[in-house]
């Protein structure tokens, strides 16, 4: 089998998130973060730690936090668990997610995702999209869980009940995510 051109034939998994544009709401496909994206995120995290140290602040290892969150909520770690156990694991990770991850790392994850559709998108444009466009916190959390843990909308739905914020305003998953 020749691998030339193979990458162009592979579907990109995405999550559909509602973004407010003017007085309308549009559905935007956010591609899943790749291995290369994780490399960029790790580099950013290391640079951020160095800058904090240089400024005399106690450095926070965002990369280690991401890995800890990921290891606790990946699909493999949820296999074989009861529905209640899955919900408890998922709730704990999702609620702690925003308290632990700083805004910079959240921005870099969204930026890396958006670069798959528009390699020229600036970090400022990505910031504007997520800061002003994603008004529903549940939508934002769904995207973050997708980036960090690779949880698809189907997996999230399996883990949650309607009173959980991750399920609010559920979208139909994109064809790529199915």
N, C-alpha and C. Protein backbone atom coordinates (compact mmCIF):
# COMPACT_ATOMS: atom_id res chain seq x y z
N UNK A 1 0.84 -1.18 0.00
CA UNK A 1 0.00 0.00 0.00
C UNK A 1 0.88 1.25 0.00
N UNK A 2 0.58 2.16 -0.86
CA UNK A 2 1.31 3.42 -0.90
C UNK A 2 0.66 4.39 0.06
N UNK A 3 1.49 5.07 0.85
CA UNK A 3 0.95 5.99 1.84
C UNK A 3 0.84 7.42 1.33
N UNK A 4 1.39 7.69 0.15
CA UNK A 4 1.30 9.03 -0.40
C UNK A 4 -0.17 9.39 -0.61
N UNK A 5 -0.57 10.51 -0.05
CA UNK A 5 -1.96 10.96 -0.17
C UNK A 5 -2.91 10.35 0.85
N UNK A 6 -2.40 9.45 1.68
CA UNK A 6 -3.25 8.78 2.66
C UNK A 6 -3.88 9.77 3.64
N UNK A 7 -3.11 10.73 4.13
CA UNK A 7 -3.60 11.69 5.13
C UNK A 7 -4.82 12.45 4.61
N UNK A 8 -4.83 12.79 3.35
CA UNK A 8 -5.94 13.54 2.76
C UNK A 8 -7.23 12.73 2.66
N UNK A 9 -7.12 11.41 2.77
CA UNK A 9 -8.30 10.55 2.66
C UNK A 9 -8.86 10.15 4.03
N UNK A 10 -8.21 10.58 5.09
CA UNK A 10 -8.65 10.22 6.44
C UNK A 10 -9.60 11.29 6.96
N UNK A 11 -10.75 10.86 7.49
CA UNK A 11 -11.72 11.80 8.06
C UNK A 11 -11.18 12.39 9.36
N UNK A 12 -11.47 13.64 9.58
CA UNK A 12 -11.08 14.32 10.81
C UNK A 12 -12.26 14.31 11.77
N UNK A 13 -12.09 13.69 12.95
CA UNK A 13 -13.18 13.72 13.94
C UNK A 13 -13.39 15.14 14.45
N UNK A 14 -14.64 15.53 14.62
CA UNK A 14 -14.97 16.87 15.10
C UNK A 14 -16.07 16.80 16.15
N UNK A 15 -16.24 17.91 16.85
CA UNK A 15 -17.37 18.10 17.74
C UNK A 15 -18.07 19.37 17.28
N UNK A 16 -19.39 19.34 17.24
CA UNK A 16 -20.16 20.49 16.81
C UNK A 16 -20.53 21.32 18.03
N UNK A 17 -20.17 22.60 17.98
CA UNK A 17 -20.42 23.53 19.08
C UNK A 17 -21.18 24.74 18.51
N UNK A 18 -22.17 25.20 19.27
CA UNK A 18 -22.94 26.37 18.85
C UNK A 18 -22.15 27.64 19.17
N UNK A 19 -22.05 28.51 18.15
CA UNK A 19 -21.34 29.78 18.28
C UNK A 19 -22.29 30.89 17.86
N UNK A 20 -22.43 31.90 18.71
CA UNK A 20 -23.32 33.03 18.41
C UNK A 20 -22.57 34.03 17.54
N UNK A 21 -23.18 34.34 16.39
CA UNK A 21 -22.62 35.30 15.44
C UNK A 21 -23.72 36.32 15.18
N UNK A 22 -23.55 37.52 15.74
CA UNK A 22 -24.61 38.53 15.62
C UNK A 22 -25.85 38.05 16.37
N UNK A 23 -26.97 38.06 15.68
CA UNK A 23 -28.20 37.59 16.32
C UNK A 23 -28.54 36.16 15.90
N UNK A 24 -27.60 35.47 15.27
CA UNK A 24 -27.79 34.09 14.83
C UNK A 24 -26.87 33.16 15.60
N UNK A 25 -27.22 31.89 15.59
CA UNK A 25 -26.35 30.86 16.16
C UNK A 25 -25.94 29.92 15.04
N UNK A 26 -24.64 29.71 14.92
CA UNK A 26 -24.12 28.81 13.90
C UNK A 26 -23.50 27.60 14.58
N UNK A 27 -23.54 26.49 13.88
CA UNK A 27 -22.88 25.28 14.36
C UNK A 27 -21.49 25.23 13.74
N UNK A 28 -20.49 25.17 14.60
CA UNK A 28 -19.10 25.18 14.15
C UNK A 28 -18.47 23.84 14.50
N UNK A 29 -17.76 23.27 13.54
CA UNK A 29 -17.06 22.01 13.74
C UNK A 29 -15.67 22.31 14.30
N UNK A 30 -15.39 21.79 15.48
CA UNK A 30 -14.06 21.92 16.08
C UNK A 30 -13.35 20.58 15.93
N UNK A 31 -12.29 20.52 15.12
CA UNK A 31 -11.56 19.27 14.93
C UNK A 31 -10.89 18.78 16.21
N UNK A 32 -10.78 17.47 16.31
CA UNK A 32 -10.10 16.87 17.45
C UNK A 32 -8.62 17.27 17.42
N UNK A 33 -8.04 17.40 18.58
CA UNK A 33 -6.63 17.75 18.69
C UNK A 33 -5.78 16.54 18.32
N UNK A 34 -4.72 16.78 17.54
CA UNK A 34 -3.85 15.71 17.06
C UNK A 34 -2.61 15.57 17.95
N UNK A 35 -1.83 14.56 17.65
CA UNK A 35 -0.55 14.36 18.35
C UNK A 35 0.34 15.59 18.17
N UNK A 36 0.38 16.13 16.96
CA UNK A 36 1.17 17.34 16.70
C UNK A 36 0.67 18.53 17.51
N UNK A 37 -0.66 18.63 17.66
CA UNK A 37 -1.23 19.70 18.48
C UNK A 37 -0.79 19.55 19.93
N UNK A 38 -0.82 18.29 20.42
CA UNK A 38 -0.41 18.06 21.81
C UNK A 38 1.05 18.46 22.00
N UNK A 39 1.89 18.26 20.99
CA UNK A 39 3.28 18.69 21.06
C UNK A 39 3.35 20.21 21.23
N UNK A 40 2.55 20.93 20.44
CA UNK A 40 2.52 22.40 20.54
C UNK A 40 2.00 22.84 21.91
N UNK A 41 1.00 22.16 22.41
CA UNK A 41 0.43 22.48 23.72
C UNK A 41 1.48 22.24 24.81
N UNK A 42 2.21 21.13 24.70
CA UNK A 42 3.25 20.83 25.68
C UNK A 42 4.35 21.90 25.64
N UNK A 43 4.77 22.28 24.43
CA UNK A 43 5.79 23.32 24.30
C UNK A 43 5.31 24.62 24.94
N UNK A 44 4.04 25.00 24.69
CA UNK A 44 3.49 26.21 25.28
C UNK A 44 3.51 26.11 26.80
N UNK A 45 3.14 24.95 27.33
CA UNK A 45 3.10 24.75 28.77
C UNK A 45 4.49 24.92 29.38
N UNK A 46 5.49 24.36 28.73
CA UNK A 46 6.86 24.48 29.24
C UNK A 46 7.34 25.94 29.18
N UNK A 47 7.01 26.65 28.12
CA UNK A 47 7.37 28.06 28.00
C UNK A 47 6.67 28.88 29.08
N UNK A 48 5.42 28.57 29.33
CA UNK A 48 4.65 29.27 30.35
C UNK A 48 5.27 29.07 31.73
N UNK A 49 5.68 27.84 32.02
CA UNK A 49 6.32 27.56 33.31
C UNK A 49 7.62 28.35 33.45
N UNK A 50 8.40 28.41 32.38
CA UNK A 50 9.67 29.14 32.42
C UNK A 50 9.43 30.63 32.67
N UNK A 51 8.41 31.19 32.03
CA UNK A 51 8.10 32.61 32.22
C UNK A 51 7.63 32.88 33.65
N UNK A 52 6.85 31.96 34.21
CA UNK A 52 6.38 32.13 35.58
C UNK A 52 7.57 32.11 36.55
N UNK A 53 8.46 31.16 36.31
CA UNK A 53 9.64 31.03 37.16
C UNK A 53 10.49 32.30 37.07
N UNK A 54 10.68 32.78 35.84
CA UNK A 54 11.46 34.00 35.59
C UNK A 54 10.84 35.21 36.30
N UNK A 55 9.51 35.24 36.38
CA UNK A 55 8.81 36.35 37.03
C UNK A 55 8.74 36.19 38.54
N UNK A 56 9.34 35.12 39.06
CA UNK A 56 9.34 34.89 40.48
C UNK A 56 8.07 34.25 41.02
N UNK A 57 7.23 33.77 40.11
CA UNK A 57 5.98 33.11 40.52
C UNK A 57 6.22 31.62 40.64
N UNK A 58 5.37 30.98 41.41
CA UNK A 58 5.42 29.51 41.52
C UNK A 58 4.88 28.92 40.22
N UNK A 59 5.71 28.22 39.45
CA UNK A 59 5.25 27.67 38.17
C UNK A 59 4.21 26.56 38.37
N UNK A 60 3.20 26.58 37.51
CA UNK A 60 2.16 25.56 37.52
C UNK A 60 2.33 24.74 36.25
N UNK A 61 2.45 23.44 36.40
CA UNK A 61 2.66 22.55 35.27
C UNK A 61 1.31 22.16 34.66
N UNK A 62 0.87 22.96 33.69
CA UNK A 62 -0.41 22.70 33.02
C UNK A 62 -0.39 21.36 32.27
N UNK A 63 0.77 21.00 31.75
CA UNK A 63 0.89 19.74 31.03
C UNK A 63 0.60 18.56 31.96
N UNK A 64 1.16 18.60 33.16
CA UNK A 64 0.92 17.53 34.13
C UNK A 64 -0.56 17.48 34.51
N UNK A 65 -1.19 18.65 34.65
CA UNK A 65 -2.62 18.67 34.95
C UNK A 65 -3.44 18.05 33.82
N UNK A 66 -3.10 18.39 32.58
CA UNK A 66 -3.80 17.81 31.44
C UNK A 66 -3.68 16.29 31.43
N UNK A 67 -2.47 15.81 31.68
CA UNK A 67 -2.26 14.36 31.66
C UNK A 67 -3.02 13.68 32.81
N UNK A 68 -3.09 14.32 33.96
CA UNK A 68 -3.83 13.75 35.09
C UNK A 68 -5.32 13.69 34.80
N UNK A 69 -5.85 14.75 34.19
CA UNK A 69 -7.27 14.77 33.84
C UNK A 69 -7.53 13.71 32.78
N UNK A 70 -6.68 13.66 31.78
CA UNK A 70 -6.87 12.71 30.69
C UNK A 70 -6.84 11.27 31.19
N UNK A 71 -5.93 10.94 32.07
CA UNK A 71 -5.81 9.56 32.53
C UNK A 71 -7.01 9.13 33.36
N UNK A 72 -7.70 10.09 33.97
CA UNK A 72 -8.84 9.74 34.79
C UNK A 72 -10.14 9.62 34.05
N UNK A 73 -10.24 10.11 32.81
CA UNK A 73 -11.52 10.13 32.12
C UNK A 73 -11.44 9.61 30.69
N UNK A 74 -10.37 8.96 30.31
CA UNK A 74 -10.34 8.44 28.95
C UNK A 74 -11.30 7.26 28.83
N UNK A 75 -11.66 6.93 27.59
CA UNK A 75 -12.66 5.88 27.35
C UNK A 75 -12.23 4.54 27.92
N UNK A 76 -10.94 4.25 27.92
CA UNK A 76 -10.45 2.98 28.45
C UNK A 76 -10.70 2.91 29.96
N UNK A 77 -10.44 4.02 30.67
CA UNK A 77 -10.62 4.00 32.12
C UNK A 77 -12.09 3.91 32.51
N UNK A 78 -12.99 4.20 31.59
CA UNK A 78 -14.43 4.14 31.89
C UNK A 78 -15.03 2.77 31.57
N UNK A 79 -14.33 1.98 30.79
CA UNK A 79 -14.83 0.65 30.43
C UNK A 79 -15.03 -0.21 31.66
N UNK A 80 -16.17 -0.91 31.69
CA UNK A 80 -16.43 -1.83 32.78
C UNK A 80 -17.00 -1.18 34.03
N UNK A 81 -17.15 0.14 34.03
CA UNK A 81 -17.68 0.85 35.18
C UNK A 81 -19.21 0.91 35.08
N UNK A 82 -19.85 0.98 36.23
CA UNK A 82 -21.30 1.15 36.23
C UNK A 82 -21.62 2.57 35.78
N UNK A 83 -22.87 2.81 35.43
CA UNK A 83 -23.27 4.14 34.99
C UNK A 83 -22.99 5.17 36.09
N UNK A 84 -23.27 4.82 37.32
CA UNK A 84 -23.04 5.74 38.44
C UNK A 84 -21.55 6.03 38.62
N UNK A 85 -20.70 5.00 38.47
CA UNK A 85 -19.26 5.20 38.59
C UNK A 85 -18.75 6.10 37.47
N UNK A 86 -19.24 5.87 36.26
CA UNK A 86 -18.83 6.69 35.12
C UNK A 86 -19.22 8.15 35.34
N UNK A 87 -20.45 8.35 35.82
CA UNK A 87 -20.92 9.71 36.06
C UNK A 87 -20.06 10.41 37.11
N UNK A 88 -19.73 9.70 38.15
CA UNK A 88 -18.92 10.28 39.22
C UNK A 88 -17.54 10.67 38.69
N UNK A 89 -16.91 9.79 37.93
CA UNK A 89 -15.58 10.06 37.36
C UNK A 89 -15.65 11.26 36.42
N UNK A 90 -16.65 11.27 35.55
CA UNK A 90 -16.80 12.34 34.57
C UNK A 90 -17.08 13.67 35.25
N UNK A 91 -17.99 13.69 36.21
CA UNK A 91 -18.33 14.94 36.92
C UNK A 91 -17.12 15.52 37.62
N UNK A 92 -16.39 14.64 38.30
CA UNK A 92 -15.21 15.10 39.04
C UNK A 92 -14.20 15.75 38.10
N UNK A 93 -13.95 15.10 36.97
CA UNK A 93 -12.98 15.65 36.01
C UNK A 93 -13.49 16.93 35.37
N UNK A 94 -14.75 16.95 34.94
CA UNK A 94 -15.25 18.13 34.23
C UNK A 94 -15.38 19.33 35.14
N UNK A 95 -15.81 19.13 36.37
CA UNK A 95 -15.95 20.26 37.29
C UNK A 95 -14.59 20.80 37.71
N UNK A 96 -13.61 19.94 37.84
CA UNK A 96 -12.27 20.37 38.22
C UNK A 96 -11.48 20.92 37.05
N UNK A 97 -11.95 20.65 35.83
CA UNK A 97 -11.22 21.03 34.63
C UNK A 97 -10.94 22.53 34.58
N UNK A 98 -11.96 23.34 34.77
CA UNK A 98 -11.78 24.78 34.64
C UNK A 98 -11.08 25.39 35.84
N UNK A 99 -11.21 24.76 36.99
CA UNK A 99 -10.52 25.26 38.17
C UNK A 99 -9.03 25.04 38.10
N UNK A 100 -8.60 24.06 37.34
CA UNK A 100 -7.18 23.71 37.28
C UNK A 100 -6.48 24.25 36.05
N UNK A 101 -7.14 24.23 34.92
CA UNK A 101 -6.49 24.65 33.67
C UNK A 101 -6.61 26.15 33.50
N UNK A 102 -5.49 26.81 33.32
CA UNK A 102 -5.56 28.26 33.15
C UNK A 102 -6.10 28.62 31.77
N UNK A 103 -6.43 29.87 31.61
CA UNK A 103 -7.04 30.33 30.37
C UNK A 103 -6.09 30.18 29.18
N UNK A 104 -4.81 30.32 29.42
CA UNK A 104 -3.84 30.20 28.34
C UNK A 104 -3.86 28.83 27.71
N UNK A 105 -3.91 27.79 28.53
CA UNK A 105 -3.89 26.43 27.98
C UNK A 105 -5.21 26.11 27.29
N UNK A 106 -6.30 26.65 27.82
CA UNK A 106 -7.60 26.45 27.16
C UNK A 106 -7.58 27.11 25.78
N UNK A 107 -7.04 28.33 25.72
CA UNK A 107 -6.97 29.05 24.46
C UNK A 107 -6.10 28.31 23.45
N UNK A 108 -4.95 27.80 23.88
CA UNK A 108 -4.07 27.12 22.94
C UNK A 108 -4.72 25.85 22.39
N UNK A 109 -5.53 25.17 23.20
CA UNK A 109 -6.21 23.97 22.71
C UNK A 109 -7.25 24.33 21.65
N UNK A 110 -8.06 25.36 21.90
CA UNK A 110 -9.04 25.80 20.90
C UNK A 110 -8.32 26.29 19.64
N UNK A 111 -7.24 27.06 19.82
CA UNK A 111 -6.50 27.60 18.68
C UNK A 111 -5.95 26.47 17.82
N UNK A 112 -5.35 25.47 18.46
CA UNK A 112 -4.80 24.33 17.70
C UNK A 112 -5.91 23.60 16.95
N UNK A 113 -7.07 23.46 17.56
CA UNK A 113 -8.19 22.81 16.89
C UNK A 113 -8.62 23.60 15.66
N UNK A 114 -8.82 24.90 15.84
CA UNK A 114 -9.30 25.74 14.74
C UNK A 114 -8.29 25.84 13.60
N UNK A 115 -7.01 25.69 13.90
CA UNK A 115 -5.98 25.74 12.86
C UNK A 115 -6.13 24.62 11.83
N UNK A 116 -6.83 23.55 12.18
CA UNK A 116 -7.03 22.47 11.21
C UNK A 116 -7.89 22.92 10.04
N UNK A 117 -8.86 23.80 10.31
CA UNK A 117 -9.70 24.32 9.24
C UNK A 117 -9.13 25.59 8.62
N UNK A 118 -8.42 26.37 9.42
CA UNK A 118 -7.84 27.62 8.93
C UNK A 118 -6.44 27.79 9.52
N UNK A 119 -5.41 27.30 8.81
CA UNK A 119 -4.05 27.37 9.33
C UNK A 119 -3.57 28.79 9.63
N UNK A 120 -4.22 29.80 9.07
CA UNK A 120 -3.81 31.19 9.27
C UNK A 120 -4.55 31.87 10.42
N UNK A 121 -5.44 31.17 11.11
CA UNK A 121 -6.21 31.81 12.18
C UNK A 121 -5.26 32.26 13.29
N UNK A 122 -5.48 33.48 13.74
CA UNK A 122 -4.63 34.01 14.81
C UNK A 122 -5.16 33.55 16.16
N UNK A 123 -4.30 33.61 17.15
CA UNK A 123 -4.72 33.26 18.50
C UNK A 123 -5.79 34.26 18.98
N UNK A 124 -5.68 35.51 18.55
CA UNK A 124 -6.66 36.54 18.93
C UNK A 124 -8.03 36.21 18.34
N UNK A 125 -8.07 35.74 17.09
CA UNK A 125 -9.36 35.36 16.48
C UNK A 125 -9.96 34.16 17.19
N UNK A 126 -9.12 33.18 17.52
CA UNK A 126 -9.61 32.01 18.25
C UNK A 126 -10.16 32.45 19.61
N UNK A 127 -9.47 33.37 20.26
CA UNK A 127 -9.90 33.89 21.55
C UNK A 127 -11.27 34.57 21.43
N UNK A 128 -11.43 35.37 20.40
CA UNK A 128 -12.70 36.07 20.19
C UNK A 128 -13.84 35.08 19.95
N UNK A 129 -13.59 34.05 19.16
CA UNK A 129 -14.61 33.04 18.87
C UNK A 129 -15.07 32.35 20.16
N UNK A 130 -14.10 31.92 20.97
CA UNK A 130 -14.49 31.17 22.17
C UNK A 130 -14.96 32.09 23.29
N UNK A 131 -14.43 33.29 23.37
CA UNK A 131 -14.81 34.20 24.47
C UNK A 131 -16.19 34.83 24.26
N UNK A 132 -16.47 35.23 23.03
CA UNK A 132 -17.73 35.92 22.76
C UNK A 132 -18.73 35.05 22.00
N UNK A 133 -18.25 34.06 21.29
CA UNK A 133 -19.14 33.24 20.46
C UNK A 133 -19.76 32.07 21.19
N UNK A 134 -19.00 31.43 22.06
CA UNK A 134 -19.54 30.28 22.80
C UNK A 134 -20.12 30.81 24.10
N UNK A 135 -21.42 31.07 24.08
CA UNK A 135 -22.07 31.65 25.25
C UNK A 135 -22.51 30.60 26.27
N UNK A 136 -22.73 29.40 25.80
CA UNK A 136 -23.23 28.33 26.67
C UNK A 136 -22.04 27.61 27.30
N UNK A 137 -21.93 27.68 28.61
CA UNK A 137 -20.82 27.05 29.34
C UNK A 137 -20.79 25.54 29.12
N UNK A 138 -21.96 24.93 28.98
CA UNK A 138 -22.03 23.50 28.70
C UNK A 138 -21.38 23.14 27.37
N UNK A 139 -21.59 24.00 26.37
CA UNK A 139 -20.97 23.79 25.06
C UNK A 139 -19.45 23.89 25.17
N UNK A 140 -19.01 24.87 25.92
CA UNK A 140 -17.57 25.08 26.12
C UNK A 140 -16.97 23.86 26.82
N UNK A 141 -17.65 23.36 27.85
CA UNK A 141 -17.17 22.20 28.58
C UNK A 141 -17.14 20.96 27.69
N UNK A 142 -18.14 20.80 26.84
CA UNK A 142 -18.15 19.66 25.92
C UNK A 142 -16.93 19.69 25.01
N UNK A 143 -16.60 20.88 24.49
CA UNK A 143 -15.43 21.01 23.62
C UNK A 143 -14.15 20.69 24.39
N UNK A 144 -14.04 21.22 25.60
CA UNK A 144 -12.84 20.96 26.41
C UNK A 144 -12.70 19.47 26.72
N UNK A 145 -13.78 18.82 27.10
CA UNK A 145 -13.73 17.38 27.38
C UNK A 145 -13.34 16.61 26.12
N UNK A 146 -13.80 17.07 24.98
CA UNK A 146 -13.45 16.43 23.72
C UNK A 146 -11.96 16.60 23.43
N UNK A 147 -11.45 17.81 23.65
CA UNK A 147 -10.03 18.05 23.41
C UNK A 147 -9.16 17.27 24.38
N UNK A 148 -9.48 17.35 25.65
CA UNK A 148 -8.62 16.76 26.68
C UNK A 148 -8.73 15.24 26.73
N UNK A 149 -9.94 14.74 26.68
CA UNK A 149 -10.16 13.31 26.91
C UNK A 149 -10.53 12.54 25.65
N UNK A 150 -10.81 13.23 24.56
CA UNK A 150 -11.23 12.55 23.35
C UNK A 150 -12.63 11.97 23.45
N UNK A 151 -13.40 12.44 24.43
CA UNK A 151 -14.75 11.93 24.60
C UNK A 151 -15.65 12.50 23.51
N UNK A 152 -16.27 11.61 22.76
CA UNK A 152 -17.19 12.02 21.72
C UNK A 152 -18.51 12.43 22.34
N UNK A 153 -19.34 13.15 21.60
CA UNK A 153 -20.67 13.49 22.14
C UNK A 153 -21.46 12.25 22.56
N UNK A 154 -21.28 11.13 21.85
CA UNK A 154 -21.98 9.90 22.22
C UNK A 154 -21.49 9.38 23.56
N UNK A 155 -20.19 9.44 23.78
CA UNK A 155 -19.63 8.97 25.05
C UNK A 155 -20.07 9.87 26.20
N UNK A 156 -20.11 11.16 25.94
CA UNK A 156 -20.57 12.10 26.96
C UNK A 156 -22.03 11.82 27.30
N UNK A 157 -22.86 11.62 26.26
CA UNK A 157 -24.28 11.34 26.50
C UNK A 157 -24.45 10.07 27.31
N UNK A 158 -23.62 9.08 27.07
CA UNK A 158 -23.69 7.82 27.80
C UNK A 158 -23.35 8.03 29.27
N UNK A 159 -22.49 8.98 29.55
CA UNK A 159 -22.02 9.22 30.91
C UNK A 159 -22.93 10.11 31.74
N UNK A 160 -23.78 10.88 31.08
CA UNK A 160 -24.49 11.93 31.79
C UNK A 160 -25.99 11.75 31.80
N UNK A 161 -26.62 12.51 32.66
CA UNK A 161 -28.08 12.61 32.69
C UNK A 161 -28.44 14.04 32.35
N UNK A 162 -29.71 14.30 32.12
CA UNK A 162 -30.12 15.63 31.64
C UNK A 162 -29.81 16.75 32.62
N UNK A 163 -29.62 16.47 33.92
CA UNK A 163 -29.32 17.54 34.86
C UNK A 163 -27.85 17.93 34.87
N UNK A 164 -27.04 17.25 34.07
CA UNK A 164 -25.61 17.54 34.01
C UNK A 164 -25.37 18.64 32.98
N UNK A 165 -24.56 19.66 33.28
CA UNK A 165 -24.33 20.76 32.34
C UNK A 165 -23.69 20.34 31.03
N UNK A 166 -23.00 19.21 31.00
CA UNK A 166 -22.38 18.78 29.75
C UNK A 166 -23.42 18.39 28.72
N UNK A 167 -24.62 18.07 29.16
CA UNK A 167 -25.64 17.61 28.23
C UNK A 167 -26.54 18.74 27.77
N UNK A 168 -26.44 19.92 28.35
CA UNK A 168 -27.32 21.02 27.97
C UNK A 168 -27.10 21.40 26.52
N UNK A 169 -28.20 21.75 25.85
CA UNK A 169 -28.15 22.13 24.44
C UNK A 169 -27.41 21.11 23.58
N UNK A 170 -27.76 19.85 23.75
CA UNK A 170 -27.06 18.81 22.99
C UNK A 170 -27.20 19.04 21.50
N UNK A 171 -26.13 18.85 20.80
CA UNK A 171 -26.11 18.93 19.34
C UNK A 171 -26.08 17.54 18.77
N UNK A 172 -26.48 17.44 17.55
CA UNK A 172 -26.27 16.21 16.82
C UNK A 172 -24.82 16.18 16.44
N UNK A 173 -24.11 15.08 16.73
CA UNK A 173 -22.69 15.05 16.39
C UNK A 173 -22.47 15.15 14.89
N UNK A 174 -21.35 15.69 14.52
CA UNK A 174 -21.04 15.80 13.10
C UNK A 174 -20.83 14.41 12.52
N UNK A 175 -20.93 14.34 11.21
CA UNK A 175 -20.73 13.06 10.55
C UNK A 175 -19.35 12.49 10.87
N UNK A 176 -18.35 13.37 10.95
CA UNK A 176 -16.99 12.92 11.24
C UNK A 176 -16.86 12.33 12.62
N UNK A 177 -17.66 12.82 13.57
CA UNK A 177 -17.57 12.32 14.95
C UNK A 177 -18.31 11.01 15.14
N UNK A 178 -19.15 10.66 14.18
CA UNK A 178 -19.94 9.43 14.33
C UNK A 178 -19.16 8.20 13.97
